[in-house]
């Protein structure tokens, strides 16, 4: 009877156990946490309005908010799917601080000039467009993202913003768990196949060292 190599088997077993543990973590811990977080976000639109937060806090997503834009420093466009483009102003709010991004409306015009002088603005808290490269969004999915104010009244010449939707917040932890379980199964199958092929290559009656 041919002996199973001990060291490779231990390495593969540990790797498979780690994959299964990661799958259980996604399923039993991360998924319930995300569901509780989404339930909190779903209730945020009904809570009282607050001043726009100075620093990112995702627990405040979809809350009603207000701010004052002293001066728009620049205006940019970002894709908005069927709505065309989101028009976003970067505002100065004081001598210091991170400033404020305000989505002042949507447009289908990719180049037209937008005239907006700032002032008091109200709306909802939402994620600002993610300017990170694709590799960063994959390797750092839980990185803190910048927030912006989505105005409830559009600037002149622009269309009204759609209120931020909780559908924009993914809940992929069940899929992540399934992926880890599949990785574990594939690793086990590949190792079993490798052992069988090794046995076929060995002369009859020969054993390998552990």
Protein backbone atom coordinates (compact mmCIF):
# COMPACT_ATOMS: atom_id res chain seq x y z
CA UNK A 1 0.00 0.00 0.00
CA UNK A 2 1.53 3.32 -1.08
CA UNK A 3 2.01 5.92 1.58
CA UNK A 4 0.45 9.39 1.39
CA UNK A 5 3.12 12.15 1.54
CA UNK A 6 2.82 13.73 4.98
CA UNK A 7 4.16 17.27 4.49
CA UNK A 8 2.20 18.12 1.28
CA UNK A 9 -0.94 16.59 2.80
CA UNK A 10 -0.59 18.74 5.93
CA UNK A 11 -0.08 21.88 3.83
CA UNK A 12 -3.12 21.16 1.65
CA UNK A 13 -5.25 20.24 4.68
CA UNK A 14 -4.36 23.49 6.46
CA UNK A 15 -5.10 25.49 3.30
CA UNK A 16 -8.49 23.80 2.86
CA UNK A 17 -9.33 24.34 6.54
CA UNK A 18 -8.43 28.03 6.19
CA UNK A 19 -10.69 28.39 3.15
CA UNK A 20 -13.59 26.74 4.96
CA UNK A 21 -13.00 28.99 7.99
CA UNK A 22 -13.08 32.07 5.76
CA UNK A 23 -16.32 30.87 4.19
CA UNK A 24 -17.91 30.32 7.60
CA UNK A 25 -16.71 33.76 8.72
CA UNK A 26 -18.36 35.41 5.71
CA UNK A 27 -21.56 33.41 6.22
CA UNK A 28 -21.96 33.48 10.00
CA UNK A 29 -20.34 36.79 10.98
CA UNK A 30 -19.89 39.23 8.10
CA UNK A 31 -23.29 38.56 6.47
CA UNK A 32 -25.37 39.21 9.64
CA UNK A 33 -23.26 42.32 10.34
CA UNK A 34 -23.94 43.66 6.84
CA UNK A 35 -27.66 42.91 7.10
CA UNK A 36 -27.86 44.83 10.38
CA UNK A 37 -25.93 47.71 8.80
CA UNK A 38 -28.29 47.79 5.80
CA UNK A 39 -31.29 47.84 8.15
CA UNK A 40 -29.79 50.90 9.85
CA UNK A 41 -29.21 52.63 6.50
CA UNK A 42 -32.79 51.86 5.41
CA UNK A 43 -34.06 53.79 8.45
CA UNK A 44 -31.71 56.77 7.97
CA UNK A 45 -33.94 58.77 5.55
CA UNK A 46 -36.63 59.05 8.24
CA UNK A 47 -34.23 60.40 10.89
CA UNK A 48 -33.78 64.14 11.58
CA UNK A 49 -31.51 66.14 9.29
CA UNK A 50 -27.92 66.74 10.45
CA UNK A 51 -25.05 69.01 9.41
CA UNK A 52 -22.91 67.39 6.74
CA UNK A 53 -20.18 65.37 8.52
CA UNK A 54 -16.64 66.72 8.37
CA UNK A 55 -15.19 63.23 8.05
CA UNK A 56 -16.52 60.05 6.35
CA UNK A 57 -18.92 57.93 8.39
CA UNK A 58 -20.80 55.31 6.38
CA UNK A 59 -23.34 54.88 9.18
CA UNK A 60 -24.71 58.29 8.08
CA UNK A 61 -25.42 57.29 4.48
CA UNK A 62 -28.90 58.38 3.26
CA UNK A 63 -29.43 60.76 6.20
CA UNK A 64 -30.97 64.11 5.36
CA UNK A 65 -28.30 66.79 5.64
CA UNK A 66 -27.46 70.43 5.06
CA UNK A 67 -24.33 72.50 4.45
CA UNK A 68 -23.12 75.84 3.14
CA UNK A 69 -20.90 76.12 0.08
CA UNK A 70 -18.88 79.33 0.36
CA UNK A 71 -17.48 78.98 -3.13
CA UNK A 72 -17.40 76.24 -5.78
CA UNK A 73 -13.71 75.60 -6.47
CA UNK A 74 -14.35 73.28 -9.42
CA UNK A 75 -17.18 71.44 -11.14
CA UNK A 76 -16.80 67.96 -12.60
CA UNK A 77 -18.95 65.31 -14.24
CA UNK A 78 -19.28 61.64 -13.39
CA UNK A 79 -21.25 58.92 -15.14
CA UNK A 80 -24.84 58.47 -13.96
CA UNK A 81 -26.08 55.62 -16.17
CA UNK A 82 -29.41 56.36 -17.82
CA UNK A 83 -29.44 59.86 -16.30
CA UNK A 84 -26.34 60.84 -18.27
CA UNK A 85 -23.87 62.64 -16.01
CA UNK A 86 -23.82 63.68 -12.39
CA UNK A 87 -22.61 67.25 -11.95
CA UNK A 88 -20.50 67.55 -8.80
CA UNK A 89 -19.09 70.74 -7.30
CA UNK A 90 -16.09 70.78 -4.98
CA UNK A 91 -16.83 73.53 -2.48
CA UNK A 92 -14.83 75.61 -0.09
CA UNK A 93 -16.53 75.60 3.30
CA UNK A 94 -13.96 77.53 5.34
CA UNK A 95 -10.30 78.36 5.68
CA UNK A 96 -9.48 74.80 6.74
CA UNK A 97 -10.97 71.33 6.49
CA UNK A 98 -11.57 68.71 3.82
CA UNK A 99 -14.11 70.77 1.87
CA UNK A 100 -17.39 69.47 0.53
CA UNK A 101 -18.58 67.71 -2.60
CA UNK A 102 -22.11 68.53 -3.72
CA UNK A 103 -23.96 66.75 -6.50
CA UNK A 104 -25.95 69.69 -7.82
CA UNK A 105 -27.92 67.83 -10.50
CA UNK A 106 -27.69 65.63 -13.58
CA UNK A 107 -27.35 66.40 -17.27
CA UNK A 108 -27.02 64.67 -20.62
CA UNK A 109 -24.64 67.36 -21.87
CA UNK A 110 -21.04 66.11 -21.47
CA UNK A 111 -19.35 69.50 -21.97
CA UNK A 112 -21.84 72.32 -21.31
CA UNK A 113 -20.86 74.95 -18.76
CA UNK A 114 -22.72 74.91 -15.44
CA UNK A 115 -23.20 78.16 -13.54
CA UNK A 116 -23.65 77.66 -9.80
CA UNK A 117 -22.51 80.10 -7.16
CA UNK A 118 -22.85 77.92 -4.09
CA UNK A 119 -24.75 78.91 -0.97
CA UNK A 120 -26.98 76.95 1.38
CA UNK A 121 -27.73 73.45 0.15
CA UNK A 122 -29.72 70.53 1.53
CA UNK A 123 -30.19 66.94 0.49
CA UNK A 124 -28.92 63.47 1.35
CA UNK A 125 -25.58 61.95 2.31
CA UNK A 126 -24.21 59.55 -0.31
CA UNK A 127 -20.92 58.10 -1.52
CA UNK A 128 -18.82 60.31 -3.74
CA UNK A 129 -17.64 58.70 -7.01
CA UNK A 130 -14.85 56.22 -6.32
CA UNK A 131 -11.74 57.50 -8.09
CA UNK A 132 -9.54 54.60 -6.96
CA UNK A 133 -8.05 52.32 -9.63
CA UNK A 134 -9.80 48.99 -10.19
CA UNK A 135 -7.05 47.00 -8.47
CA UNK A 136 -7.52 49.09 -5.31
CA UNK A 137 -11.29 48.48 -5.23
CA UNK A 138 -10.61 44.71 -5.45
CA UNK A 139 -7.80 44.52 -2.90
CA UNK A 140 -9.32 47.06 -0.47
CA UNK A 141 -13.10 46.57 -0.68
CA UNK A 142 -13.65 47.92 2.85
CA UNK A 143 -11.61 51.11 2.45
CA UNK A 144 -13.34 54.25 3.74
CA UNK A 145 -14.93 56.14 0.85
CA UNK A 146 -15.47 59.88 0.61
CA UNK A 147 -19.00 61.16 1.14
CA UNK A 148 -20.87 63.88 -0.71
CA UNK A 149 -24.12 65.79 -0.42
CA UNK A 150 -26.72 64.97 -3.08
CA UNK A 151 -28.80 68.14 -3.38
CA UNK A 152 -32.58 67.86 -3.33
CA UNK A 153 -32.92 70.96 -5.55
CA UNK A 154 -30.91 71.06 -8.80
CA UNK A 155 -28.86 74.00 -10.00
CA UNK A 156 -30.27 76.05 -12.88
CA UNK A 157 -30.25 74.12 -16.15
CA UNK A 158 -29.78 70.71 -14.51
CA UNK A 159 -32.19 67.86 -13.85
CA UNK A 160 -33.17 66.80 -10.34
CA UNK A 161 -31.03 64.20 -8.59
CA UNK A 162 -32.53 60.82 -7.81
CA UNK A 163 -32.43 60.17 -4.05
CA UNK A 164 -29.60 57.79 -3.07
CA UNK A 165 -30.78 54.18 -2.94
CA UNK A 166 -29.81 51.43 -0.55
CA UNK A 167 -29.56 49.20 -3.64
CA UNK A 168 -26.18 50.86 -4.26
CA UNK A 169 -24.74 49.16 -1.15
CA UNK A 170 -23.74 45.59 -2.05
CA UNK A 171 -24.28 42.63 0.25
CA UNK A 172 -22.07 39.96 -1.32
CA UNK A 173 -21.06 37.99 1.74
CA UNK A 174 -23.11 34.91 0.84
CA UNK A 175 -21.40 34.87 -2.57
CA UNK A 176 -18.00 35.28 -0.88
CA UNK A 177 -18.78 32.33 1.42
CA UNK A 178 -19.77 30.13 -1.53
CA UNK A 179 -16.56 31.11 -3.33
CA UNK A 180 -14.39 30.07 -0.38
CA UNK A 181 -16.23 26.73 -0.07
CA UNK A 182 -15.76 26.14 -3.80
CA UNK A 183 -12.04 26.97 -3.53
CA UNK A 184 -11.74 24.42 -0.72
CA UNK A 185 -13.56 21.76 -2.75
CA UNK A 186 -11.45 22.43 -5.85
CA UNK A 187 -8.23 22.25 -3.81
CA UNK A 188 -9.27 18.90 -2.32
CA UNK A 189 -10.21 17.48 -5.73
CA UNK A 190 -6.97 18.64 -7.34
CA UNK A 191 -4.91 17.11 -4.56
CA UNK A 192 -6.69 13.78 -4.77
CA UNK A 193 -6.16 13.72 -8.55
CA UNK A 194 -2.47 14.58 -8.04
CA UNK A 195 -2.08 11.68 -5.58
CA UNK A 196 -3.72 9.23 -8.00
CA UNK A 197 -1.49 10.32 -10.88
CA UNK A 198 1.57 9.99 -8.66
CA UNK A 199 0.53 6.44 -7.73
CA UNK A 200 0.15 5.50 -11.39
CA UNK A 201 3.69 6.70 -12.13
CA UNK A 202 5.25 4.67 -9.33
CA UNK A 203 6.39 1.09 -10.04
CA UNK A 204 4.18 -1.59 -8.52
CA UNK A 205 4.99 -2.20 -4.86
CA UNK A 206 7.12 0.98 -4.46
CA UNK A 207 6.27 3.49 -1.74
CA UNK A 208 7.28 7.12 -1.37
CA UNK A 209 8.92 8.71 1.60
CA UNK A 210 6.62 10.70 3.89
